[in-house]
């Protein structure tokens, strides 16, 4: 059985050559450098309303006009886990959650396992895997972490780092949703996020800039349950799918041109 060492120091056997090849492919990924913009940066006071990593919009940090001095850009940090596995039909699938209907913000929305960093977390990998264990009972020892994508910036100035891991033995994972945070755990084909099928879009405007918001509708085969994946979660999965399948999305991605405060730190609210 093929095997590979994960970024978090563990080593798990891969159940197929395809997963091993994917792990090797992704391990060579290097995030693009952030682009800096010379234009005027507007100072804004923004209300913080986000609890978990859910947002109506989120874009790759490298395409945003962040402040010229990186030392002045230290927003709150979070991480999400893009946990991939090979489905019964041989397709690559990603684990998703439906947020609890009892939550006060973004209740019932689809998201990736993840959340804000805590002081004891040594890195983004630990944040993502810790949150996944707390939310859905996913033991970090079952996941090979293969790469970390570039950060996404949410509308609320939360820096969200996507961590890609491979679940080599799906049968070993028995979802145990934390009822306080998660109503359901399900999975969807990763490839759907670069296809135009079952996708709709809406043009929105924020801070005077227009952008496209993508909505993906997915229905499970057995239970016939329908889910809508959109916002930051959709944006992260579009990027991940493009990287995994090494091809761009079959639709236009139009991101807003954010204007950030001159100084952003843990105390900055949006």
C-alpha atoms as a PDB file:
ATOM      1  CA  UNK A   1       0.000   0.000   0.000  1.00  0.00           C
ATOM      2  CA  UNK A   2       1.388   3.405  -0.966  1.00  0.00           C
ATOM      3  CA  UNK A   3       2.280   5.867   1.754  1.00  0.00           C
ATOM      4  CA  UNK A   4       3.455   9.439   2.193  1.00  0.00           C
ATOM      5  CA  UNK A   5       4.427  11.649   5.112  1.00  0.00           C
ATOM      6  CA  UNK A   6       2.013  14.430   5.996  1.00  0.00           C
ATOM      7  CA  UNK A   7       2.854  18.043   6.802  1.00  0.00           C
ATOM      8  CA  UNK A   8       1.673  17.633  10.388  1.00  0.00           C
ATOM      9  CA  UNK A   9       4.342  15.036  11.070  1.00  0.00           C
ATOM     10  CA  UNK A  10       2.237  11.897  10.741  1.00  0.00           C
ATOM     11  CA  UNK A  11       2.458   9.148   8.169  1.00  0.00           C
ATOM     12  CA  UNK A  12      -0.558   7.264   6.854  1.00  0.00           C
ATOM     13  CA  UNK A  13      -0.892   4.713   4.053  1.00  0.00           C
ATOM     14  CA  UNK A  14      -2.833   5.855   1.012  1.00  0.00           C
ATOM     15  CA  UNK A  15      -5.543   3.493  -0.147  1.00  0.00           C
ATOM     16  CA  UNK A  16      -4.871   4.080  -3.830  1.00  0.00           C
ATOM     17  CA  UNK A  17      -2.172   5.271  -6.193  1.00  0.00           C
ATOM     18  CA  UNK A  18      -4.489   8.091  -7.199  1.00  0.00           C
ATOM     19  CA  UNK A  19      -4.537   9.520  -3.695  1.00  0.00           C
ATOM     20  CA  UNK A  20      -0.791   9.143  -3.408  1.00  0.00           C
ATOM     21  CA  UNK A  21      -0.295  10.934  -6.731  1.00  0.00           C
ATOM     22  CA  UNK A  22      -2.653  13.704  -5.581  1.00  0.00           C
ATOM     23  CA  UNK A  23      -0.742  14.109  -2.327  1.00  0.00           C
ATOM     24  CA  UNK A  24       2.546  14.353  -4.194  1.00  0.00           C
ATOM     25  CA  UNK A  25       1.064  16.869  -6.650  1.00  0.00           C
ATOM     26  CA  UNK A  26      -0.316  19.110  -3.924  1.00  0.00           C
ATOM     27  CA  UNK A  27       2.813  18.904  -1.778  1.00  0.00           C
ATOM     28  CA  UNK A  28       4.639  20.921  -4.460  1.00  0.00           C
ATOM     29  CA  UNK A  29       2.102  23.736  -4.405  1.00  0.00           C
ATOM     30  CA  UNK A  30       3.423  27.164  -3.512  1.00  0.00           C
ATOM     31  CA  UNK A  31       0.894  29.952  -2.848  1.00  0.00           C
ATOM     32  CA  UNK A  32       1.324  33.069  -4.997  1.00  0.00           C
ATOM     33  CA  UNK A  33       2.768  36.150  -3.305  1.00  0.00           C
ATOM     34  CA  UNK A  34       0.329  38.807  -2.196  1.00  0.00           C
ATOM     35  CA  UNK A  35      -0.015  41.718  -4.609  1.00  0.00           C
ATOM     36  CA  UNK A  36       0.362  45.152  -3.089  1.00  0.00           C
ATOM     37  CA  UNK A  37      -1.538  48.171  -4.285  1.00  0.00           C
ATOM     38  CA  UNK A  38      -0.329  51.765  -4.413  1.00  0.00           C
ATOM     39  CA  UNK A  39      -3.808  53.240  -4.345  1.00  0.00           C
ATOM     40  CA  UNK A  40      -5.381  55.089  -1.460  1.00  0.00           C
ATOM     41  CA  UNK A  41      -6.354  52.880   1.464  1.00  0.00           C
ATOM     42  CA  UNK A  42      -9.525  53.934   3.227  1.00  0.00           C
ATOM     43  CA  UNK A  43      -9.707  53.675   6.972  1.00  0.00           C
ATOM     44  CA  UNK A  44     -12.963  52.123   8.036  1.00  0.00           C
ATOM     45  CA  UNK A  45     -14.536  50.998  11.272  1.00  0.00           C
ATOM     46  CA  UNK A  46     -16.351  47.763  10.606  1.00  0.00           C
ATOM     47  CA  UNK A  47     -18.664  45.808  12.845  1.00  0.00           C
ATOM     48  CA  UNK A  48     -17.463  42.279  13.720  1.00  0.00           C
ATOM     49  CA  UNK A  49     -20.342  39.824  13.374  1.00  0.00           C
ATOM     50  CA  UNK A  50     -18.632  36.564  12.464  1.00  0.00           C
ATOM     51  CA  UNK A  51     -18.465  33.644  14.867  1.00  0.00           C
ATOM     52  CA  UNK A  52     -17.258  30.719  12.804  1.00  0.00           C
ATOM     53  CA  UNK A  53     -15.721  30.847   9.354  1.00  0.00           C
ATOM     54  CA  UNK A  54     -18.772  31.793   7.336  1.00  0.00           C
ATOM     55  CA  UNK A  55     -19.064  34.918   5.232  1.00  0.00           C
ATOM     56  CA  UNK A  56     -21.049  36.205   2.295  1.00  0.00           C
ATOM     57  CA  UNK A  57     -17.830  36.872   0.437  1.00  0.00           C
ATOM     58  CA  UNK A  58     -14.210  35.870   0.727  1.00  0.00           C
ATOM     59  CA  UNK A  59     -11.372  36.306  -1.751  1.00  0.00           C
ATOM     60  CA  UNK A  60      -7.797  35.148  -2.107  1.00  0.00           C
ATOM     61  CA  UNK A  61      -5.458  37.462  -0.261  1.00  0.00           C
ATOM     62  CA  UNK A  62      -3.082  37.648  -3.232  1.00  0.00           C
ATOM     63  CA  UNK A  63      -5.685  39.466  -5.343  1.00  0.00           C
ATOM     64  CA  UNK A  64      -6.595  42.018  -2.681  1.00  0.00           C
ATOM     65  CA  UNK A  65      -4.969  45.454  -2.285  1.00  0.00           C
ATOM     66  CA  UNK A  66      -3.553  44.981   1.211  1.00  0.00           C
ATOM     67  CA  UNK A  67      -1.468  47.646   2.953  1.00  0.00           C
ATOM     68  CA  UNK A  68       2.044  48.268   1.654  1.00  0.00           C
ATOM     69  CA  UNK A  69       3.634  47.514   5.008  1.00  0.00           C
ATOM     70  CA  UNK A  70       2.977  43.855   5.926  1.00  0.00           C
ATOM     71  CA  UNK A  71       3.733  44.670   9.562  1.00  0.00           C
ATOM     72  CA  UNK A  72       0.537  46.729   9.636  1.00  0.00           C
ATOM     73  CA  UNK A  73      -1.611  43.876   8.320  1.00  0.00           C
ATOM     74  CA  UNK A  74      -2.204  41.372  11.116  1.00  0.00           C
ATOM     75  CA  UNK A  75      -5.899  40.488  11.136  1.00  0.00           C
ATOM     76  CA  UNK A  76      -7.598  37.826  13.196  1.00  0.00           C
ATOM     77  CA  UNK A  77      -6.754  34.372  11.907  1.00  0.00           C
ATOM     78  CA  UNK A  78      -8.773  31.242  11.223  1.00  0.00           C
ATOM     79  CA  UNK A  79      -8.357  27.973   9.314  1.00  0.00           C
ATOM     80  CA  UNK A  80     -10.656  25.520   7.568  1.00  0.00           C
ATOM     81  CA  UNK A  81     -10.048  21.882   6.649  1.00  0.00           C
ATOM     82  CA  UNK A  82     -10.633  20.750   3.072  1.00  0.00           C
ATOM     83  CA  UNK A  83     -10.776  17.036   3.806  1.00  0.00           C
ATOM     84  CA  UNK A  84     -10.748  14.963   0.603  1.00  0.00           C
ATOM     85  CA  UNK A  85     -11.375  11.271   0.110  1.00  0.00           C
ATOM     86  CA  UNK A  86     -12.078   8.846  -2.709  1.00  0.00           C
ATOM     87  CA  UNK A  87     -15.760   7.992  -3.093  1.00  0.00           C
ATOM     88  CA  UNK A  88     -17.229   4.620  -4.003  1.00  0.00           C
ATOM     89  CA  UNK A  89     -17.436   5.715  -7.637  1.00  0.00           C
ATOM     90  CA  UNK A  90     -13.782   6.744  -7.666  1.00  0.00           C
ATOM     91  CA  UNK A  91     -14.492  10.479  -7.520  1.00  0.00           C
ATOM     92  CA  UNK A  92     -12.808  12.919  -5.162  1.00  0.00           C
ATOM     93  CA  UNK A  93     -15.163  14.186  -2.486  1.00  0.00           C
ATOM     94  CA  UNK A  94     -14.962  16.827   0.231  1.00  0.00           C
ATOM     95  CA  UNK A  95     -16.457  16.759   3.727  1.00  0.00           C
ATOM     96  CA  UNK A  96     -18.862  19.607   4.527  1.00  0.00           C
ATOM     97  CA  UNK A  97     -21.103  20.578   7.414  1.00  0.00           C
ATOM     98  CA  UNK A  98     -24.469  22.228   7.827  1.00  0.00           C
ATOM     99  CA  UNK A  99     -24.273  24.692  10.679  1.00  0.00           C
ATOM    100  CA  UNK A 100     -26.632  24.304  13.582  1.00  0.00           C
ATOM    101  CA  UNK A 101     -30.042  25.941  13.187  1.00  0.00           C
ATOM    102  CA  UNK A 102     -29.667  27.114  16.794  1.00  0.00           C
ATOM    103  CA  UNK A 103     -26.713  29.379  16.082  1.00  0.00           C
ATOM    104  CA  UNK A 104     -27.378  33.109  16.167  1.00  0.00           C
ATOM    105  CA  UNK A 105     -25.320  33.859  13.038  1.00  0.00           C
ATOM    106  CA  UNK A 106     -25.343  32.056   9.675  1.00  0.00           C
ATOM    107  CA  UNK A 107     -27.503  29.275  11.084  1.00  0.00           C
ATOM    108  CA  UNK A 108     -28.205  26.400   8.708  1.00  0.00           C
ATOM    109  CA  UNK A 109     -25.536  27.428   6.198  1.00  0.00           C
ATOM    110  CA  UNK A 110     -22.997  25.051   4.669  1.00  0.00           C
ATOM    111  CA  UNK A 111     -19.378  25.436   5.719  1.00  0.00           C
ATOM    112  CA  UNK A 112     -16.074  23.607   5.883  1.00  0.00           C
ATOM    113  CA  UNK A 113     -14.959  22.344   9.292  1.00  0.00           C
ATOM    114  CA  UNK A 114     -12.874  25.059  10.892  1.00  0.00           C
ATOM    115  CA  UNK A 115     -12.808  28.143  13.034  1.00  0.00           C
ATOM    116  CA  UNK A 116     -10.728  30.854  14.632  1.00  0.00           C
ATOM    117  CA  UNK A 117      -7.220  30.211  15.891  1.00  0.00           C
ATOM    118  CA  UNK A 118      -6.684  29.800  19.614  1.00  0.00           C
ATOM    119  CA  UNK A 119      -3.590  30.812  21.553  1.00  0.00           C
ATOM    120  CA  UNK A 120      -2.466  27.214  22.014  1.00  0.00           C
ATOM    121  CA  UNK A 121      -2.515  26.422  18.275  1.00  0.00           C
ATOM    122  CA  UNK A 122       1.014  26.144  16.918  1.00  0.00           C
ATOM    123  CA  UNK A 123      -0.048  26.715  13.296  1.00  0.00           C
ATOM    124  CA  UNK A 124      -2.959  26.780  10.852  1.00  0.00           C
ATOM    125  CA  UNK A 125      -2.881  22.997  10.473  1.00  0.00           C
ATOM    126  CA  UNK A 126      -3.490  22.533  14.173  1.00  0.00           C
ATOM    127  CA  UNK A 127      -6.311  25.086  14.109  1.00  0.00           C
ATOM    128  CA  UNK A 128      -8.061  23.332  11.220  1.00  0.00           C
ATOM    129  CA  UNK A 129      -7.681  19.799  12.564  1.00  0.00           C
ATOM    130  CA  UNK A 130      -8.566  20.780  16.126  1.00  0.00           C
ATOM    131  CA  UNK A 131     -11.739  22.486  14.964  1.00  0.00           C
ATOM    132  CA  UNK A 132     -12.658  19.521  12.744  1.00  0.00           C
ATOM    133  CA  UNK A 133     -12.333  17.187  15.717  1.00  0.00           C
ATOM    134  CA  UNK A 134     -14.412  19.484  17.924  1.00  0.00           C
ATOM    135  CA  UNK A 135     -17.134  20.016  15.314  1.00  0.00           C
ATOM    136  CA  UNK A 136     -17.541  16.602  13.671  1.00  0.00           C
ATOM    137  CA  UNK A 137     -15.328  14.178  15.594  1.00  0.00           C
ATOM    138  CA  UNK A 138     -12.718  13.825  12.847  1.00  0.00           C
ATOM    139  CA  UNK A 139      -9.584  12.394  14.475  1.00  0.00           C
ATOM    140  CA  UNK A 140      -6.513  14.269  13.141  1.00  0.00           C
ATOM    141  CA  UNK A 141      -4.619  10.975  13.021  1.00  0.00           C
ATOM    142  CA  UNK A 142      -6.899   9.836  10.173  1.00  0.00           C
ATOM    143  CA  UNK A 143      -5.930  12.748   7.927  1.00  0.00           C
ATOM    144  CA  UNK A 144      -2.776  13.275   5.872  1.00  0.00           C
ATOM    145  CA  UNK A 145      -2.230  17.024   5.561  1.00  0.00           C
ATOM    146  CA  UNK A 146      -0.731  17.632   2.119  1.00  0.00           C
ATOM    147  CA  UNK A 147      -0.683  21.401   1.627  1.00  0.00           C
ATOM    148  CA  UNK A 148      -1.865  24.786   2.849  1.00  0.00           C
ATOM    149  CA  UNK A 149      -3.429  27.229   0.398  1.00  0.00           C
ATOM    150  CA  UNK A 150      -3.023  30.971   0.347  1.00  0.00           C
ATOM    151  CA  UNK A 151      -5.191  32.840   2.860  1.00  0.00           C
ATOM    152  CA  UNK A 152      -8.632  34.148   2.002  1.00  0.00           C
ATOM    153  CA  UNK A 153      -9.879  37.401   3.459  1.00  0.00           C
ATOM    154  CA  UNK A 154     -13.474  37.481   4.557  1.00  0.00           C
ATOM    155  CA  UNK A 155     -15.720  40.490   4.388  1.00  0.00           C
ATOM    156  CA  UNK A 156     -15.106  40.852   8.108  1.00  0.00           C
ATOM    157  CA  UNK A 157     -11.298  41.052   7.782  1.00  0.00           C
ATOM    158  CA  UNK A 158     -10.816  37.511   9.035  1.00  0.00           C
ATOM    159  CA  UNK A 159      -7.806  35.805   7.438  1.00  0.00           C
ATOM    160  CA  UNK A 160      -8.949  32.265   6.644  1.00  0.00           C
ATOM    161  CA  UNK A 161      -6.300  29.698   5.742  1.00  0.00           C
ATOM    162  CA  UNK A 162      -7.531  26.604   3.838  1.00  0.00           C
ATOM    163  CA  UNK A 163      -5.699  23.415   4.815  1.00  0.00           C
ATOM    164  CA  UNK A 164      -5.992  20.440   2.448  1.00  0.00           C
ATOM    165  CA  UNK A 165      -5.912  16.948   3.939  1.00  0.00           C
ATOM    166  CA  UNK A 166      -6.622  13.474   2.572  1.00  0.00           C
ATOM    167  CA  UNK A 167      -8.751  10.984   4.476  1.00  0.00           C
ATOM    168  CA  UNK A 168      -7.278   7.679   3.342  1.00  0.00           C
ATOM    169  CA  UNK A 169      -9.807   5.414   5.085  1.00  0.00           C
ATOM    170  CA  UNK A 170     -13.328   6.851   4.902  1.00  0.00           C
ATOM    171  CA  UNK A 171     -14.784   3.892   6.830  1.00  0.00           C
ATOM    172  CA  UNK A 172     -12.635   4.764   9.841  1.00  0.00           C
ATOM    173  CA  UNK A 173     -14.343   8.142  10.148  1.00  0.00           C
ATOM    174  CA  UNK A 174     -17.596   8.005  12.076  1.00  0.00           C
ATOM    175  CA  UNK A 175     -19.065  11.535  12.107  1.00  0.00           C
ATOM    176  CA  UNK A 176     -20.147  12.744  15.531  1.00  0.00           C
ATOM    177  CA  UNK A 177     -21.497  16.274  15.021  1.00  0.00           C
ATOM    178  CA  UNK A 178     -21.249  18.682  17.924  1.00  0.00           C
ATOM    179  CA  UNK A 179     -24.935  19.560  18.276  1.00  0.00           C
ATOM    180  CA  UNK A 180     -24.104  23.071  19.462  1.00  0.00           C
ATOM    181  CA  UNK A 181     -22.379  23.850  16.180  1.00  0.00           C
ATOM    182  CA  UNK A 182     -23.333  21.316  13.514  1.00  0.00           C
ATOM    183  CA  UNK A 183     -26.661  19.823  12.420  1.00  0.00           C
ATOM    184  CA  UNK A 184     -25.395  17.583   9.617  1.00  0.00           C
ATOM    185  CA  UNK A 185     -22.212  16.210   8.083  1.00  0.00           C
ATOM    186  CA  UNK A 186     -22.203  15.328   4.389  1.00  0.00           C
ATOM    187  CA  UNK A 187     -19.856  15.165   1.425  1.00  0.00           C
ATOM    188  CA  UNK A 188     -19.951  16.470  -2.132  1.00  0.00           C
ATOM    189  CA  UNK A 189     -17.880  15.925  -5.285  1.00  0.00           C
ATOM    190  CA  UNK A 190     -15.000  18.380  -5.424  1.00  0.00           C
ATOM    191  CA  UNK A 191     -15.151  18.687  -9.216  1.00  0.00           C
ATOM    192  CA  UNK A 192     -18.581  20.330  -9.088  1.00  0.00           C
ATOM    193  CA  UNK A 193     -16.935  23.550  -7.927  1.00  0.00           C
ATOM    194  CA  UNK A 194     -15.234  24.179 -11.279  1.00  0.00           C
ATOM    195  CA  UNK A 195     -18.239  23.162 -13.403  1.00  0.00           C
ATOM    196  CA  UNK A 196     -21.116  25.361 -14.468  1.00  0.00           C
ATOM    197  CA  UNK A 197     -23.763  22.702 -13.795  1.00  0.00           C
ATOM    198  CA  UNK A 198     -26.011  23.341 -10.789  1.00  0.00           C
ATOM    199  CA  UNK A 199     -24.438  26.776 -10.331  1.00  0.00           C
ATOM    200  CA  UNK A 200     -26.110  30.154 -10.190  1.00  0.00           C
ATOM    201  CA  UNK A 201     -24.679  33.583  -9.572  1.00  0.00           C
ATOM    202  CA  UNK A 202     -25.774  36.944  -8.267  1.00  0.00           C
ATOM    203  CA  UNK A 203     -24.109  40.284  -8.782  1.00  0.00           C
ATOM    204  CA  UNK A 204     -23.614  42.108  -5.518  1.00  0.00           C
ATOM    205  CA  UNK A 205     -21.964  45.359  -4.508  1.00  0.00           C
ATOM    206  CA  UNK A 206     -19.786  46.122  -1.519  1.00  0.00           C
ATOM    207  CA  UNK A 207     -17.979  49.390  -0.807  1.00  0.00           C
ATOM    208  CA  UNK A 208     -18.848  50.581  -4.313  1.00  0.00           C
ATOM    209  CA  UNK A 209     -17.387  47.541  -6.070  1.00  0.00           C
ATOM    210  CA  UNK A 210     -19.428  44.922  -7.932  1.00  0.00           C
ATOM    211  CA  UNK A 211     -18.648  41.227  -7.661  1.00  0.00           C
ATOM    212  CA  UNK A 212     -20.207  37.848  -8.394  1.00  0.00           C
ATOM    213  CA  UNK A 213     -21.509  35.615  -5.647  1.00  0.00           C
ATOM    214  CA  UNK A 214     -21.597  31.927  -6.640  1.00  0.00           C
ATOM    215  CA  UNK A 215     -24.190  29.411  -5.428  1.00  0.00           C
ATOM    216  CA  UNK A 216     -23.801  25.648  -5.938  1.00  0.00           C
ATOM    217  CA  UNK A 217     -26.798  23.384  -5.399  1.00  0.00           C
ATOM    218  CA  UNK A 218     -26.110  19.807  -4.378  1.00  0.00           C
ATOM    219  CA  UNK A 219     -28.512  16.938  -3.664  1.00  0.00           C
ATOM    220  CA  UNK A 220     -27.318  13.777  -1.921  1.00  0.00           C
ATOM    221  CA  UNK A 221     -27.982  10.567  -3.838  1.00  0.00           C
ATOM    222  CA  UNK A 222     -29.407   8.422  -1.029  1.00  0.00           C
ATOM    223  CA  UNK A 223     -31.184  10.851   1.305  1.00  0.00           C
ATOM    224  CA  UNK A 224     -32.116  13.326  -1.464  1.00  0.00           C
ATOM    225  CA  UNK A 225     -31.215  16.199   0.820  1.00  0.00           C
ATOM    226  CA  UNK A 226     -30.484  19.512  -0.875  1.00  0.00           C
ATOM    227  CA  UNK A 227     -27.753  21.914   0.127  1.00  0.00           C
ATOM    228  CA  UNK A 228     -26.607  25.310  -1.143  1.00  0.00           C
ATOM    229  CA  UNK A 229     -22.867  26.003  -0.954  1.00  0.00           C
ATOM    230  CA  UNK A 230     -21.997  29.649  -1.416  1.00  0.00           C
ATOM    231  CA  UNK A 231     -19.969  32.608  -0.166  1.00  0.00           C
ATOM    232  CA  UNK A 232     -16.549  32.060   1.376  1.00  0.00           C
ATOM    233  CA  UNK A 233     -16.987  28.288   1.419  1.00  0.00           C
ATOM    234  CA  UNK A 234     -17.719  28.222  -2.315  1.00  0.00           C
ATOM    235  CA  UNK A 235     -14.781  30.518  -3.021  1.00  0.00           C
ATOM    236  CA  UNK A 236     -12.356  28.287  -1.118  1.00  0.00           C
ATOM    237  CA  UNK A 237     -13.650  25.164  -2.860  1.00  0.00           C
ATOM    238  CA  UNK A 238     -13.446  26.770  -6.315  1.00  0.00           C
ATOM    239  CA  UNK A 239      -9.782  27.495  -5.632  1.00  0.00           C
ATOM    240  CA  UNK A 240      -9.117  24.006  -4.238  1.00  0.00           C
ATOM    241  CA  UNK A 241     -10.843  22.267  -7.146  1.00  0.00           C
ATOM    242  CA  UNK A 242      -8.952  24.382  -9.676  1.00  0.00           C
ATOM    243  CA  UNK A 243      -5.692  23.357  -8.036  1.00  0.00           C
ATOM    244  CA  UNK A 244      -6.539  19.660  -7.683  1.00  0.00           C
ATOM    245  CA  UNK A 245      -7.832  19.282 -11.251  1.00  0.00           C
ATOM    246  CA  UNK A 246      -5.262  21.749 -12.628  1.00  0.00           C
ATOM    247  CA  UNK A 247      -7.795  23.707 -14.632  1.00  0.00           C
ATOM    248  CA  UNK A 248      -9.703  26.965 -14.185  1.00  0.00           C
ATOM    249  CA  UNK A 249     -13.395  27.127 -13.398  1.00  0.00           C
ATOM    250  CA  UNK A 250     -15.767  26.987 -16.358  1.00  0.00           C
ATOM    251  CA  UNK A 251     -17.314  30.305 -15.331  1.00  0.00           C
ATOM    252  CA  UNK A 252     -16.258  33.861 -14.632  1.00  0.00           C
ATOM    253  CA  UNK A 253     -14.936  34.642 -11.196  1.00  0.00           C
ATOM    254  CA  UNK A 254     -15.391  38.323 -10.426  1.00  0.00           C
ATOM    255  CA  UNK A 255     -14.010  39.346  -7.074  1.00  0.00           C
ATOM    256  CA  UNK A 256     -14.611  42.671  -5.331  1.00  0.00           C
ATOM    257  CA  UNK A 257     -11.749  45.140  -5.009  1.00  0.00           C
ATOM    258  CA  UNK A 258     -11.529  45.547  -1.276  1.00  0.00           C
ATOM    259  CA  UNK A 259     -10.145  48.656   0.348  1.00  0.00           C
ATOM    260  CA  UNK A 260      -8.651  47.913   3.734  1.00  0.00           C
ATOM    261  CA  UNK A 261      -7.769  50.067   6.735  1.00  0.00           C
ATOM    262  CA  UNK A 262      -4.159  51.238   6.869  1.00  0.00           C
ATOM    263  CA  UNK A 263      -3.537  49.186   9.988  1.00  0.00           C
ATOM    264  CA  UNK A 264      -5.221  45.861  10.674  1.00  0.00           C
ATOM    265  CA  UNK A 265      -4.600  43.852  13.822  1.00  0.00           C
ATOM    266  CA  UNK A 266      -6.466  41.552  16.199  1.00  0.00           C
ATOM    267  CA  UNK A 267      -8.413  44.494  17.563  1.00  0.00           C
ATOM    268  CA  UNK A 268      -9.647  45.691  14.173  1.00  0.00           C
ATOM    269  CA  UNK A 269     -13.374  45.194  13.685  1.00  0.00           C
ATOM    270  CA  UNK A 270     -15.344  45.305  10.484  1.00  0.00           C
END
